[in-house]
Amino acid sequence: MNVTINGTAHELPRGATVRQAVQKLTGVSGGVAVAVNDEVVSRGAWDSTALVEADRVEVLTAVQGG
């Protein structure tokens, strides 16, 4: 299925979860926040939140600095 992650089209297997999308994009899970179709998904729901065709996923990674 096709989903948009941070504005770029990605092919994911049908039934892929938010956690799988995050791992595909970043390879990490710490310091990351996710929204699907403009709704924040709590970290505890990443494994149970399945993505569907044409979902829009935003993955934000915290960075240190000042």
Protein backbone atom coordinates (compact mmCIF):
# COMPACT_ATOMS: atom_id res chain seq x y z
CA MET A 1 0.00 0.00 0.00
CA ASN A 2 1.08 3.58 -0.52
CA VAL A 3 1.33 6.04 2.36
CA THR A 4 2.92 9.47 2.60
CA ILE A 5 5.57 9.81 5.30
CA ASN A 6 6.88 13.33 5.90
CA GLY A 7 5.66 14.38 2.45
CA THR A 8 7.26 11.50 0.54
CA ALA A 9 5.45 8.48 -0.88
CA HIS A 10 6.43 5.13 0.63
CA GLU A 11 5.34 1.59 -0.15
CA LEU A 12 4.49 -0.41 2.98
CA PRO A 13 3.00 -3.89 3.31
CA ARG A 14 -0.76 -4.02 3.81
CA GLY A 15 -1.57 -3.81 7.53
CA ALA A 16 1.71 -2.07 8.41
CA THR A 17 1.67 -0.33 11.77
CA VAL A 18 2.83 3.08 12.87
CA ARG A 19 5.86 1.42 14.51
CA GLN A 20 6.85 -0.16 11.19
CA ALA A 21 6.57 3.20 9.43
CA VAL A 22 8.75 4.87 12.07
CA GLN A 23 11.37 2.11 11.78
CA LYS A 24 11.38 2.39 7.99
CA LEU A 25 11.98 6.12 8.17
CA THR A 26 14.26 6.54 11.18
CA GLY A 27 15.40 3.17 12.48
CA VAL A 28 14.86 4.48 16.03
CA SER A 29 11.88 4.85 18.34
CA GLY A 30 13.22 7.11 21.09
CA GLY A 31 12.76 10.87 20.80
CA VAL A 32 10.11 10.46 18.11
CA ALA A 33 6.53 11.75 17.87
CA VAL A 34 4.04 10.59 15.24
CA ALA A 35 0.81 11.93 13.78
CA VAL A 36 -1.40 10.08 11.29
CA ASN A 37 -3.77 12.23 9.27
CA ASP A 38 -3.12 15.14 11.67
CA GLU A 39 -3.93 13.09 14.80
CA VAL A 40 -1.13 12.38 17.29
CA VAL A 41 -0.60 8.66 17.95
CA SER A 42 0.70 7.87 21.44
CA ARG A 43 3.76 5.63 21.61
CA GLY A 44 1.70 2.96 23.39
CA ALA A 45 -0.59 2.74 20.36
CA TRP A 46 2.10 2.44 17.68
CA ASP A 47 1.89 -1.37 17.50
CA SER A 48 -1.90 -1.45 17.39
CA THR A 49 -2.43 1.42 14.95
CA ALA A 50 -2.57 -0.02 11.45
CA LEU A 51 -2.07 2.26 8.48
CA VAL A 52 -4.30 2.21 5.43
CA GLU A 53 -3.86 3.24 1.80
CA ALA A 54 -3.21 6.99 1.36
CA ASP A 55 -2.62 7.73 5.07
CA ARG A 56 -0.47 10.78 5.78
CA VAL A 57 2.14 10.12 8.46
CA GLU A 58 4.32 12.79 10.05
CA VAL A 59 7.33 11.60 12.03
CA LEU A 60 9.09 14.23 14.13
CA THR A 61 12.46 13.53 15.72
CA ALA A 62 13.70 15.51 18.71
CA VAL A 63 17.13 17.09 18.32
CA GLN A 64 19.40 18.62 20.93
CA GLY A 65 20.87 22.02 20.58
CA GLY A 66 20.27 25.56 21.47
